[in-house]
Amino acid sequence: MTPAPPRKGATRAADIPDEVLQALSRGEMQSATLAEGLALDQSELVRAVFPDLSPGALKAVDAAGELGILKRMARIGEVLLEELGAAGITQCGSHGSDTVRGWACFMIGAQSGLDVAARLAAIRPLADDAHFGVREWAWMAVRPHLVRELDTSIAQLAQWTAEPSERLRRFASEALRPRGVWCAHIAALKREPEQALPILSPLRADPATYVQDSVANWLNDAAKDQPAWVQGLCDQWLQGTPTDATRRICQRALRKLR
């Protein structure tokens, strides 16, 4: 199935037309907004995409519907990996539904025996996905593994800061935000945010606003615990003749301190 072109969607669940919600739940179109992605029926979607799943797997999927969205996605990813194996990752990863591709992210997250480099290599196509939602699921799915091997993860992600794709450069920053969104905080980076400088410093003048916003949000997170460090880093970055990008990052990073 070829992903549908972007469209303007509803920003509230109550405003989603029934025909759109039904098409989303059958995997016939992509969500255009976060509200649409959250509102679709994942149990129905699983049955539409994988009609031959075992009764036990379907029961587990239905039970996952009672969980919050992040845990729901993760649980369905686990169930699909158990049922379909690694081949299911390819099947989900190439599907036209962004939610199905999101399950592929969590299937990669659920795989055992992968080191950091292998897990990042596996998630890379999904981290570079054209859909905003899939890109978010990508970093959320592998973040727990990255945190457990923080030094290695920082070294690996530092290499992504030179990628031509702004989506991959943003992933490098977003995946290890100290506080993040919908995820557990990273205590080590709240205490010592300077550990992430191999990622942050190469992105301090990134030309893409998509990346700039992530770096600024990273520093804004850090400022909640280490405000003096963030202020000092921005002062350093602003010395001489900083680029417009650097000025924008620092302005947004310091927005709560001013």
C-alpha atoms as a PDB file:
ATOM      1  CA  MET A   1       0.000   0.000   0.000  1.00  0.00           C
ATOM      2  CA  THR A   2       1.384   3.416  -0.941  1.00  0.00           C
ATOM      3  CA  PRO A   3       1.168   6.010   1.876  1.00  0.00           C
ATOM      4  CA  ALA A   4      -1.508   8.595   1.238  1.00  0.00           C
ATOM      5  CA  PRO A   5      -0.462  12.185   0.592  1.00  0.00           C
ATOM      6  CA  PRO A   6      -0.652  14.638   3.496  1.00  0.00           C
ATOM      7  CA  ARG A   7      -4.070  16.060   4.287  1.00  0.00           C
ATOM      8  CA  LYS A   8      -5.541  18.371   6.845  1.00  0.00           C
ATOM      9  CA  GLY A   9      -7.030  16.301   9.649  1.00  0.00           C
ATOM     10  CA  ALA A  10      -8.989  16.858  12.833  1.00  0.00           C
ATOM     11  CA  THR A  11      -7.155  18.102  15.907  1.00  0.00           C
ATOM     12  CA  ARG A  12      -9.749  16.711  18.328  1.00  0.00           C
ATOM     13  CA  ALA A  13     -11.071  13.172  18.472  1.00  0.00           C
ATOM     14  CA  ALA A  14     -14.635  14.459  18.583  1.00  0.00           C
ATOM     15  CA  ASP A  15     -14.118  16.176  15.239  1.00  0.00           C
ATOM     16  CA  ILE A  16     -12.924  13.126  13.305  1.00  0.00           C
ATOM     17  CA  PRO A  17     -15.547  12.064  10.754  1.00  0.00           C
ATOM     18  CA  ASP A  18     -16.741   8.482  11.197  1.00  0.00           C
ATOM     19  CA  GLU A  19     -15.632   7.516   7.696  1.00  0.00           C
ATOM     20  CA  VAL A  20     -12.110   8.779   8.385  1.00  0.00           C
ATOM     21  CA  LEU A  21     -11.899   6.942  11.698  1.00  0.00           C
ATOM     22  CA  GLN A  22     -13.102   3.755  10.050  1.00  0.00           C
ATOM     23  CA  ALA A  23     -10.573   4.082   7.224  1.00  0.00           C
ATOM     24  CA  LEU A  24      -7.787   4.689   9.745  1.00  0.00           C
ATOM     25  CA  SER A  25      -8.847   1.636  11.750  1.00  0.00           C
ATOM     26  CA  ARG A  26      -8.801  -0.507   8.605  1.00  0.00           C
ATOM     27  CA  GLY A  27      -5.328   0.706   7.647  1.00  0.00           C
ATOM     28  CA  GLU A  28      -6.563   2.372   4.482  1.00  0.00           C
ATOM     29  CA  MET A  29      -5.092   5.799   5.192  1.00  0.00           C
ATOM     30  CA  GLN A  30      -2.536   7.551   7.347  1.00  0.00           C
ATOM     31  CA  SER A  31      -3.358   9.800  10.265  1.00  0.00           C
ATOM     32  CA  ALA A  32      -2.961  13.495   9.524  1.00  0.00           C
ATOM     33  CA  THR A  33      -2.861  14.620  13.158  1.00  0.00           C
ATOM     34  CA  LEU A  34      -1.969  13.251  16.566  1.00  0.00           C
ATOM     35  CA  ALA A  35      -5.664  13.174  17.484  1.00  0.00           C
ATOM     36  CA  GLU A  36      -6.402  10.830  14.591  1.00  0.00           C
ATOM     37  CA  GLY A  37      -3.515   8.557  15.460  1.00  0.00           C
ATOM     38  CA  LEU A  38      -4.702   8.271  19.061  1.00  0.00           C
ATOM     39  CA  ALA A  39      -8.369   7.756  18.198  1.00  0.00           C
ATOM     40  CA  LEU A  40      -8.199   4.848  15.757  1.00  0.00           C
ATOM     41  CA  ASP A  41      -9.083   1.334  16.918  1.00  0.00           C
ATOM     42  CA  GLN A  42      -5.828  -0.627  17.069  1.00  0.00           C
ATOM     43  CA  SER A  43      -7.566  -3.942  17.709  1.00  0.00           C
ATOM     44  CA  GLU A  44      -9.541  -3.494  14.506  1.00  0.00           C
ATOM     45  CA  LEU A  45      -6.401  -2.420  12.685  1.00  0.00           C
ATOM     46  CA  VAL A  46      -4.489  -5.517  13.790  1.00  0.00           C
ATOM     47  CA  ARG A  47      -7.293  -7.728  12.503  1.00  0.00           C
ATOM     48  CA  ALA A  48      -7.393  -5.876   9.187  1.00  0.00           C
ATOM     49  CA  VAL A  49      -3.655  -6.155   8.600  1.00  0.00           C
ATOM     50  CA  PHE A  50      -3.090  -9.610  10.128  1.00  0.00           C
ATOM     51  CA  PRO A  51      -6.346 -11.571   9.796  1.00  0.00           C
ATOM     52  CA  ASP A  52      -4.639 -14.902  10.555  1.00  0.00           C
ATOM     53  CA  LEU A  53      -3.212 -14.087  13.981  1.00  0.00           C
ATOM     54  CA  SER A  54      -3.814 -16.695  16.640  1.00  0.00           C
ATOM     55  CA  PRO A  55      -6.702 -16.272  19.097  1.00  0.00           C
ATOM     56  CA  GLY A  56      -4.197 -15.840  21.914  1.00  0.00           C
ATOM     57  CA  ALA A  57      -2.450 -13.029  20.104  1.00  0.00           C
ATOM     58  CA  LEU A  58      -5.731 -11.288  19.353  1.00  0.00           C
ATOM     59  CA  LYS A  59      -6.739 -11.582  23.003  1.00  0.00           C
ATOM     60  CA  ALA A  60      -3.437  -9.965  24.026  1.00  0.00           C
ATOM     61  CA  VAL A  61      -3.973  -7.167  21.508  1.00  0.00           C
ATOM     62  CA  ASP A  62      -7.466  -6.519  22.846  1.00  0.00           C
ATOM     63  CA  ALA A  63      -6.112  -6.379  26.390  1.00  0.00           C
ATOM     64  CA  ALA A  64      -3.494  -3.865  25.264  1.00  0.00           C
ATOM     65  CA  GLY A  65      -6.325  -1.543  24.294  1.00  0.00           C
ATOM     66  CA  GLU A  66      -6.820  -0.816  28.007  1.00  0.00           C
ATOM     67  CA  LEU A  67      -3.284   0.562  28.305  1.00  0.00           C
ATOM     68  CA  GLY A  68      -2.033   4.080  27.691  1.00  0.00           C
ATOM     69  CA  ILE A  69      -0.958   4.794  24.143  1.00  0.00           C
ATOM     70  CA  LEU A  70       2.788   4.235  24.586  1.00  0.00           C
ATOM     71  CA  LYS A  71       2.354   0.990  26.518  1.00  0.00           C
ATOM     72  CA  ARG A  72      -0.326  -0.084  24.032  1.00  0.00           C
ATOM     73  CA  MET A  73       2.004   0.397  21.075  1.00  0.00           C
ATOM     74  CA  ALA A  74       4.814  -1.400  22.881  1.00  0.00           C
ATOM     75  CA  ARG A  75       2.620  -4.335  23.878  1.00  0.00           C
ATOM     76  CA  ILE A  76       1.219  -4.791  20.377  1.00  0.00           C
ATOM     77  CA  GLY A  77       4.767  -4.668  19.043  1.00  0.00           C
ATOM     78  CA  GLU A  78       5.741  -7.458  21.441  1.00  0.00           C
ATOM     79  CA  VAL A  79       2.750  -9.584  20.455  1.00  0.00           C
ATOM     80  CA  LEU A  80       3.418  -9.158  16.738  1.00  0.00           C
ATOM     81  CA  LEU A  81       7.098  -9.996  17.155  1.00  0.00           C
ATOM     82  CA  GLU A  82       6.193 -13.159  19.056  1.00  0.00           C
ATOM     83  CA  GLU A  83       3.688 -14.163  16.360  1.00  0.00           C
ATOM     84  CA  LEU A  84       5.454 -13.076  13.186  1.00  0.00           C
ATOM     85  CA  GLY A  85       9.126 -12.987  14.049  1.00  0.00           C
ATOM     86  CA  ALA A  86      11.596 -10.637  12.373  1.00  0.00           C
ATOM     87  CA  ALA A  87       9.792 -10.989   9.037  1.00  0.00           C
ATOM     88  CA  GLY A  88       6.879  -9.147  10.595  1.00  0.00           C
ATOM     89  CA  ILE A  89       9.065  -6.086  11.083  1.00  0.00           C
ATOM     90  CA  THR A  90       9.555  -5.824   7.337  1.00  0.00           C
ATOM     91  CA  GLN A  91       5.852  -6.341   6.726  1.00  0.00           C
ATOM     92  CA  CYS A  92       4.826  -3.678   9.229  1.00  0.00           C
ATOM     93  CA  GLY A  93       7.606  -1.317   8.229  1.00  0.00           C
ATOM     94  CA  SER A  94       6.430  -1.148   4.632  1.00  0.00           C
ATOM     95  CA  HIS A  95       2.706  -0.775   5.363  1.00  0.00           C
ATOM     96  CA  GLY A  96       0.795   2.321   4.309  1.00  0.00           C
ATOM     97  CA  SER A  97      -0.616   2.937   7.802  1.00  0.00           C
ATOM     98  CA  ASP A  98       1.605   5.030  10.028  1.00  0.00           C
ATOM     99  CA  THR A  99       0.343   3.158  13.091  1.00  0.00           C
ATOM    100  CA  VAL A 100       1.376  -0.174  11.565  1.00  0.00           C
ATOM    101  CA  ARG A 101       4.809   1.235  10.833  1.00  0.00           C
ATOM    102  CA  GLY A 102       4.814   2.389  14.453  1.00  0.00           C
ATOM    103  CA  TRP A 103       4.312  -1.223  15.525  1.00  0.00           C
ATOM    104  CA  ALA A 104       7.436  -2.054  13.515  1.00  0.00           C
ATOM    105  CA  CYS A 105       9.335   0.437  15.683  1.00  0.00           C
ATOM    106  CA  PHE A 106       8.235  -1.327  18.842  1.00  0.00           C
ATOM    107  CA  MET A 107       8.941  -4.737  17.365  1.00  0.00           C
ATOM    108  CA  ILE A 108      12.523  -3.538  16.918  1.00  0.00           C
ATOM    109  CA  GLY A 109      12.417  -2.267  20.473  1.00  0.00           C
ATOM    110  CA  ALA A 110      11.221  -5.674  21.663  1.00  0.00           C
ATOM    111  CA  GLN A 111      13.954  -7.648  19.899  1.00  0.00           C
ATOM    112  CA  SER A 112      16.481  -9.258  22.190  1.00  0.00           C
ATOM    113  CA  GLY A 113      20.181  -9.692  21.591  1.00  0.00           C
ATOM    114  CA  LEU A 114      20.769  -6.497  19.608  1.00  0.00           C
ATOM    115  CA  ASP A 115      23.597  -4.178  20.583  1.00  0.00           C
ATOM    116  CA  VAL A 116      23.149  -0.416  20.285  1.00  0.00           C
ATOM    117  CA  ALA A 117      24.648  -0.189  16.799  1.00  0.00           C
ATOM    118  CA  ALA A 118      22.446  -2.992  15.457  1.00  0.00           C
ATOM    119  CA  ARG A 119      19.293  -1.562  17.034  1.00  0.00           C
ATOM    120  CA  LEU A 120      19.993   1.886  15.621  1.00  0.00           C
ATOM    121  CA  ALA A 121      20.657   0.388  12.203  1.00  0.00           C
ATOM    122  CA  ALA A 122      17.325  -1.433  12.381  1.00  0.00           C
ATOM    123  CA  ILE A 123      15.361   1.648  13.447  1.00  0.00           C
ATOM    124  CA  ARG A 124      17.061   3.993  10.991  1.00  0.00           C
ATOM    125  CA  PRO A 125      14.541   3.705   8.095  1.00  0.00           C
ATOM    126  CA  LEU A 126      11.679   4.366  10.503  1.00  0.00           C
ATOM    127  CA  ALA A 127      13.524   7.250  12.152  1.00  0.00           C
ATOM    128  CA  ASP A 128      13.697   8.733   8.651  1.00  0.00           C
ATOM    129  CA  ASP A 129      10.048   7.992   7.834  1.00  0.00           C
ATOM    130  CA  ALA A 130       8.026  10.627   6.004  1.00  0.00           C
ATOM    131  CA  HIS A 131       5.304  10.547   8.668  1.00  0.00           C
ATOM    132  CA  PHE A 132       5.748  12.616  11.827  1.00  0.00           C
ATOM    133  CA  GLY A 133       4.143   9.975  14.028  1.00  0.00           C
ATOM    134  CA  VAL A 134       6.373   7.123  12.920  1.00  0.00           C
ATOM    135  CA  ARG A 135       9.454   9.230  13.627  1.00  0.00           C
ATOM    136  CA  GLU A 136       8.228   9.797  17.185  1.00  0.00           C
ATOM    137  CA  TRP A 137       7.485   6.113  17.750  1.00  0.00           C
ATOM    138  CA  ALA A 138      10.964   5.303  16.453  1.00  0.00           C
ATOM    139  CA  TRP A 139      12.878   7.076  19.196  1.00  0.00           C
ATOM    140  CA  MET A 140      10.394   6.136  21.905  1.00  0.00           C
ATOM    141  CA  ALA A 141      10.699   2.457  20.998  1.00  0.00           C
ATOM    142  CA  VAL A 142      14.478   2.258  21.333  1.00  0.00           C
ATOM    143  CA  ARG A 143      15.084   4.897  24.015  1.00  0.00           C
ATOM    144  CA  PRO A 144      15.071   2.427  26.965  1.00  0.00           C
ATOM    145  CA  HIS A 145      17.835   0.421  25.302  1.00  0.00           C
ATOM    146  CA  LEU A 146      19.842   3.565  24.537  1.00  0.00           C
ATOM    147  CA  VAL A 147      19.599   4.710  28.142  1.00  0.00           C
ATOM    148  CA  ARG A 148      20.898   1.409  29.469  1.00  0.00           C
ATOM    149  CA  GLU A 149      24.099   1.842  27.418  1.00  0.00           C
ATOM    150  CA  LEU A 150      24.309   5.601  27.556  1.00  0.00           C
ATOM    151  CA  ASP A 151      27.965   6.141  26.699  1.00  0.00           C
ATOM    152  CA  THR A 152      27.794   3.843  23.687  1.00  0.00           C
ATOM    153  CA  SER A 153      24.516   5.383  22.577  1.00  0.00           C
ATOM    154  CA  ILE A 154      25.877   8.919  22.732  1.00  0.00           C
ATOM    155  CA  ALA A 155      28.906   7.889  20.698  1.00  0.00           C
ATOM    156  CA  GLN A 156      26.707   6.217  18.083  1.00  0.00           C
ATOM    157  CA  LEU A 157      24.182   9.065  17.867  1.00  0.00           C
ATOM    158  CA  ALA A 158      26.978  11.630  17.596  1.00  0.00           C
ATOM    159  CA  GLN A 159      27.647  10.106  14.170  1.00  0.00           C
ATOM    160  CA  TRP A 160      24.036  10.751  13.156  1.00  0.00           C
ATOM    161  CA  THR A 161      24.517  14.499  13.654  1.00  0.00           C
ATOM    162  CA  ALA A 162      26.341  14.583  10.310  1.00  0.00           C
ATOM    163  CA  GLU A 163      23.576  12.800   8.383  1.00  0.00           C
ATOM    164  CA  PRO A 164      22.141  14.599   5.320  1.00  0.00           C
ATOM    165  CA  SER A 165      18.612  13.877   6.569  1.00  0.00           C
ATOM    166  CA  GLU A 166      17.339  16.400   9.095  1.00  0.00           C
ATOM    167  CA  ARG A 167      15.046  13.675  10.413  1.00  0.00           C
ATOM    168  CA  LEU A 168      18.010  11.542  11.443  1.00  0.00           C
ATOM    169  CA  ARG A 169      19.837  14.523  12.901  1.00  0.00           C
ATOM    170  CA  ARG A 170      16.759  15.319  14.970  1.00  0.00           C
ATOM    171  CA  PHE A 171      16.537  11.699  16.112  1.00  0.00           C
ATOM    172  CA  ALA A 172      20.062  12.014  17.489  1.00  0.00           C
ATOM    173  CA  SER A 173      18.959  14.855  19.744  1.00  0.00           C
ATOM    174  CA  GLU A 174      15.400  13.810  20.527  1.00  0.00           C
ATOM    175  CA  ALA A 175      16.116  10.224  21.538  1.00  0.00           C
ATOM    176  CA  LEU A 176      18.091  11.217  24.631  1.00  0.00           C
ATOM    177  CA  ARG A 177      16.335  14.345  25.843  1.00  0.00           C
ATOM    178  CA  PRO A 178      16.759  14.372  29.647  1.00  0.00           C
ATOM    179  CA  ARG A 179      13.030  14.673  30.278  1.00  0.00           C
ATOM    180  CA  GLY A 180      11.539  13.841  26.931  1.00  0.00           C
ATOM    181  CA  VAL A 181       7.859  13.414  26.127  1.00  0.00           C
ATOM    182  CA  TRP A 182       5.708  10.415  27.142  1.00  0.00           C
ATOM    183  CA  CYS A 183       8.791   8.654  28.501  1.00  0.00           C
ATOM    184  CA  ALA A 184      10.884   8.136  31.612  1.00  0.00           C
ATOM    185  CA  HIS A 185      13.460  10.792  32.428  1.00  0.00           C
ATOM    186  CA  ILE A 186      17.167  10.051  32.085  1.00  0.00           C
ATOM    187  CA  ALA A 187      18.596  10.643  35.551  1.00  0.00           C
ATOM    188  CA  ALA A 188      22.223  10.560  34.396  1.00  0.00           C
ATOM    189  CA  LEU A 189      21.646  13.381  31.894  1.00  0.00           C
ATOM    190  CA  LYS A 190      19.637  15.406  34.380  1.00  0.00           C
ATOM    191  CA  ARG A 191      22.647  15.275  36.690  1.00  0.00           C
ATOM    192  CA  GLU A 192      25.367  15.648  34.068  1.00  0.00           C
ATOM    193  CA  PRO A 193      23.941  16.997  30.795  1.00  0.00           C
ATOM    194  CA  GLU A 194      27.455  17.688  29.537  1.00  0.00           C
ATOM    195  CA  GLN A 195      27.717  13.984  28.688  1.00  0.00           C
ATOM    196  CA  ALA A 196      25.578  14.712  25.624  1.00  0.00           C
ATOM    197  CA  LEU A 197      27.827  17.429  24.181  1.00  0.00           C
ATOM    198  CA  PRO A 198      29.079  15.081  21.428  1.00  0.00           C
ATOM    199  CA  ILE A 199      25.501  15.204  20.122  1.00  0.00           C
ATOM    200  CA  LEU A 200      24.527  18.767  20.983  1.00  0.00           C
ATOM    201  CA  SER A 201      27.631  20.653  19.876  1.00  0.00           C
ATOM    202  CA  PRO A 202      27.575  19.520  16.214  1.00  0.00           C
ATOM    203  CA  LEU A 203      23.912  20.561  16.021  1.00  0.00           C
ATOM    204  CA  ARG A 204      24.290  24.013  17.564  1.00  0.00           C
ATOM    205  CA  ALA A 205      24.073  25.712  14.143  1.00  0.00           C
ATOM    206  CA  ASP A 206      21.929  23.177  12.302  1.00  0.00           C
ATOM    207  CA  PRO A 207      20.088  24.842   9.398  1.00  0.00           C
ATOM    208  CA  ALA A 208      16.827  22.903   9.921  1.00  0.00           C
ATOM    209  CA  THR A 209      14.272  24.377  12.325  1.00  0.00           C
ATOM    210  CA  TYR A 210      13.110  20.799  12.955  1.00  0.00           C
ATOM    211  CA  VAL A 211      16.513  20.043  14.464  1.00  0.00           C
ATOM    212  CA  GLN A 212      16.908  23.443  16.112  1.00  0.00           C
ATOM    213  CA  ASP A 213      13.674  22.943  18.031  1.00  0.00           C
ATOM    214  CA  SER A 214      14.842  19.564  19.315  1.00  0.00           C
ATOM    215  CA  VAL A 215      18.211  20.906  20.488  1.00  0.00           C
ATOM    216  CA  ALA A 216      16.494  23.864  22.151  1.00  0.00           C
ATOM    217  CA  ASN A 217      14.033  21.554  23.872  1.00  0.00           C
ATOM    218  CA  TRP A 218      16.904  19.312  24.982  1.00  0.00           C
ATOM    219  CA  LEU A 219      18.579  22.279  26.638  1.00  0.00           C
ATOM    220  CA  ASN A 220      15.294  23.529  28.059  1.00  0.00           C
ATOM    221  CA  ASP A 221      14.877  20.107  29.669  1.00  0.00           C
ATOM    222  CA  ALA A 222      18.382  20.328  31.117  1.00  0.00           C
ATOM    223  CA  ALA A 223      17.753  23.858  32.397  1.00  0.00           C
ATOM    224  CA  LYS A 224      15.136  22.529  34.795  1.00  0.00           C
ATOM    225  CA  ASP A 225      17.899  20.709  36.698  1.00  0.00           C
ATOM    226  CA  GLN A 226      21.148  22.425  35.636  1.00  0.00           C
ATOM    227  CA  PRO A 227      20.239  26.018  34.726  1.00  0.00           C
ATOM    228  CA  ALA A 228      23.741  27.414  35.233  1.00  0.00           C
ATOM    229  CA  TRP A 229      25.220  24.827  32.887  1.00  0.00           C
ATOM    230  CA  VAL A 230      22.702  25.609  30.145  1.00  0.00           C
ATOM    231  CA  GLN A 231      23.238  29.349  30.548  1.00  0.00           C
ATOM    232  CA  GLY A 232      26.995  28.888  30.371  1.00  0.00           C
ATOM    233  CA  LEU A 233      26.789  26.685  27.297  1.00  0.00           C
ATOM    234  CA  CYS A 234      24.569  29.166  25.475  1.00  0.00           C
ATOM    235  CA  ASP A 235      26.888  32.022  26.434  1.00  0.00           C
ATOM    236  CA  GLN A 236      29.743  30.016  24.924  1.00  0.00           C
ATOM    237  CA  TRP A 237      27.813  29.251  21.734  1.00  0.00           C
ATOM    238  CA  LEU A 238      26.869  32.913  21.316  1.00  0.00           C
ATOM    239  CA  GLN A 239      30.412  34.227  21.472  1.00  0.00           C
ATOM    240  CA  GLY A 240      31.879  35.760  18.348  1.00  0.00           C
ATOM    241  CA  THR A 241      29.516  35.802  15.403  1.00  0.00           C
ATOM    242  CA  PRO A 242      26.944  33.076  15.979  1.00  0.00           C
ATOM    243  CA  THR A 243      24.647  31.965  13.196  1.00  0.00           C
ATOM    244  CA  ASP A 244      20.959  32.788  13.188  1.00  0.00           C
ATOM    245  CA  ALA A 245      20.334  29.130  13.921  1.00  0.00           C
ATOM    246  CA  THR A 246      22.486  29.209  17.054  1.00  0.00           C
ATOM    247  CA  ARG A 247      20.804  32.378  18.277  1.00  0.00           C
ATOM    248  CA  ARG A 248      17.400  30.808  17.756  1.00  0.00           C
ATOM    249  CA  ILE A 249      18.387  27.641  19.613  1.00  0.00           C
ATOM    250  CA  CYS A 250      19.731  29.576  22.573  1.00  0.00           C
ATOM    251  CA  GLN A 251      16.763  31.907  22.725  1.00  0.00           C
ATOM    252  CA  ARG A 252      14.380  28.975  22.873  1.00  0.00           C
ATOM    253  CA  ALA A 253      16.601  27.011  25.253  1.00  0.00           C
ATOM    254  CA  LEU A 254      16.669  29.851  27.758  1.00  0.00           C
ATOM    255  CA  ARG A 255      12.989  30.777  27.473  1.00  0.00           C
ATOM    256  CA  LYS A 256      12.151  29.561  30.987  1.00  0.00           C
ATOM    257  CA  LEU A 257      15.262  31.093  32.560  1.00  0.00           C
ATOM    258  CA  ARG A 258      14.453  34.567  31.308  1.00  0.00           C
END
